[in-house]
Amino acid sequence: QVQLVESGGGLVQPGGSLRLSCATSGIIFSVNDMGWYRQAPGKERELVAAITSSGSTKYADSVKGRFTISRDNVKNTVTLQMSSLKPEDTAVYYCKGELFGLGYWGQGTQVTVSS
């Protein structure tokens, strides 16, 4: 059984920081490419950050320099460290694992950036 569970979402003020974590089970984590996606109301789901099984990372232009994705192949977790948060970062954030085109999604965690 594959399971991805996000945690760490919540309400934060603009300029603040938040750390999202994704705990995985049922997959060979170390060989999966992992990513964080987000979806705001009325918007399409978009890739925020991704990290390959080898550790290569990429980021959406809108979050470069502010977000950092990392993975721990011992704990089988992927993390999104978010800083300098903006109201436009408000969205449901989803963790995704992918192997050979097959994707697995978490349930999502709400991030709200507001004063």
Protein backbone atom coordinates (compact mmCIF):
# COMPACT_ATOMS: atom_id res chain seq x y z
CA GLN A 1 0.00 0.00 0.00
CA VAL A 2 1.42 3.32 -1.10
CA GLN A 3 0.92 6.24 1.22
CA LEU A 4 2.21 9.79 1.16
CA VAL A 5 1.27 12.01 4.07
CA GLU A 6 1.99 15.72 4.14
CA SER A 7 2.31 17.73 7.30
CA GLY A 8 3.41 21.16 8.42
CA GLY A 9 0.84 23.36 6.75
CA GLY A 10 -0.89 26.17 8.50
CA LEU A 11 -1.34 29.90 8.73
CA VAL A 12 1.70 32.11 8.50
CA GLN A 13 2.25 35.84 8.09
CA PRO A 14 3.78 37.28 4.95
CA GLY A 15 7.54 37.09 5.19
CA GLY A 16 7.34 34.11 7.49
CA SER A 17 8.62 30.60 7.10
CA LEU A 18 7.07 27.18 7.07
CA ARG A 19 8.42 23.69 6.69
CA LEU A 20 6.39 21.01 4.98
CA SER A 21 7.20 17.35 5.31
CA CYS A 22 6.04 14.33 3.37
CA ALA A 23 6.30 10.91 4.94
CA THR A 24 6.15 8.01 2.54
CA SER A 25 5.50 4.31 2.81
CA GLY A 26 4.88 1.50 0.38
CA ILE A 27 7.47 2.70 -2.10
CA ILE A 28 11.17 2.26 -2.54
CA PHE A 29 11.70 5.87 -1.67
CA SER A 30 15.31 6.19 -2.74
CA VAL A 31 14.57 5.44 -6.40
CA ASN A 32 11.55 7.71 -6.70
CA ASP A 33 11.61 11.22 -8.02
CA MET A 34 9.76 13.46 -5.59
CA GLY A 35 8.00 16.74 -5.98
CA TRP A 36 5.92 19.34 -4.27
CA TYR A 37 2.95 20.77 -6.12
CA ARG A 38 0.41 23.34 -5.12
CA GLN A 39 -3.06 24.30 -6.18
CA ALA A 40 -4.74 27.57 -5.33
CA PRO A 41 -8.48 28.15 -5.67
CA GLY A 42 -9.41 28.56 -9.31
CA LYS A 43 -5.91 27.65 -10.45
CA GLU A 44 -4.37 24.59 -11.98
CA ARG A 45 -2.05 22.45 -9.95
CA GLU A 46 1.52 23.52 -10.53
CA LEU A 47 4.93 22.13 -9.81
CA VAL A 48 6.67 24.04 -7.05
CA ALA A 49 9.84 22.03 -6.59
CA ALA A 50 11.19 18.64 -7.54
CA ILE A 51 14.08 16.48 -6.52
CA THR A 52 15.23 13.42 -8.40
CA SER A 53 16.42 10.17 -6.94
CA SER A 54 19.96 11.39 -7.51
CA GLY A 55 19.37 14.67 -5.70
CA SER A 56 19.00 17.08 -8.60
CA THR A 57 16.53 19.86 -7.88
CA LYS A 58 14.42 22.28 -9.83
CA TYR A 59 12.07 25.04 -8.80
CA ALA A 60 9.31 27.12 -10.21
CA ASP A 61 10.52 30.60 -11.02
CA SER A 62 8.07 32.03 -8.53
CA VAL A 63 9.75 30.29 -5.59
CA LYS A 64 13.41 30.27 -6.56
CA GLY A 65 15.57 31.58 -3.78
CA ARG A 66 12.79 31.22 -1.24
CA PHE A 67 11.97 27.50 -1.19
CA THR A 68 14.27 24.55 -0.74
CA ILE A 69 13.39 20.94 -1.41
CA SER A 70 15.34 18.14 0.20
CA ARG A 71 15.03 14.43 0.79
CA ASP A 72 16.11 12.02 3.46
CA ASN A 73 16.56 8.53 2.08
CA VAL A 74 16.89 7.07 5.56
CA LYS A 75 13.65 8.49 6.93
CA ASN A 76 11.95 8.23 3.53
CA THR A 77 10.78 11.80 3.68
CA VAL A 78 10.85 14.82 1.43
CA THR A 79 10.78 18.32 2.83
CA LEU A 80 9.91 21.73 1.49
CA GLN A 81 11.42 24.58 3.45
CA MET A 82 9.59 27.78 2.61
CA SER A 83 10.76 31.24 3.56
CA SER A 84 9.83 34.80 2.70
CA LEU A 85 6.31 33.60 2.14
CA LYS A 86 3.92 35.70 0.12
CA PRO A 87 0.13 35.72 0.01
CA GLU A 88 0.33 34.26 -3.49
CA ASP A 89 1.95 31.17 -1.99
CA THR A 90 -1.40 30.34 -0.42
CA ALA A 91 -2.52 26.97 -1.74
CA VAL A 92 -2.96 23.34 -0.92
CA TYR A 93 0.44 21.73 -1.19
CA TYR A 94 0.74 18.17 -2.40
CA CYS A 95 3.57 15.70 -2.23
CA LYS A 96 4.12 13.46 -5.23
CA GLY A 97 6.31 10.48 -5.83
CA GLU A 98 7.00 9.24 -9.32
CA LEU A 99 8.69 6.23 -10.80
CA PHE A 100 8.67 5.42 -14.51
CA GLY A 101 5.74 7.72 -15.11
CA LEU A 102 3.58 6.32 -12.33
CA GLY A 103 2.65 8.99 -9.83
CA TYR A 104 1.53 8.81 -6.24
CA TRP A 105 -0.11 11.74 -4.49
CA GLY A 106 -0.62 12.73 -0.92
CA GLN A 107 -3.81 14.25 0.41
CA GLY A 108 -2.38 17.73 0.59
CA THR A 109 -1.82 20.26 3.33
CA GLN A 110 -3.18 23.79 3.40
CA VAL A 111 -0.77 26.70 3.49
CA THR A 112 -2.27 30.11 4.07
CA VAL A 113 -0.13 33.24 3.99
CA SER A 114 -2.04 36.14 5.42
CA SER A 115 -1.70 38.92 7.92
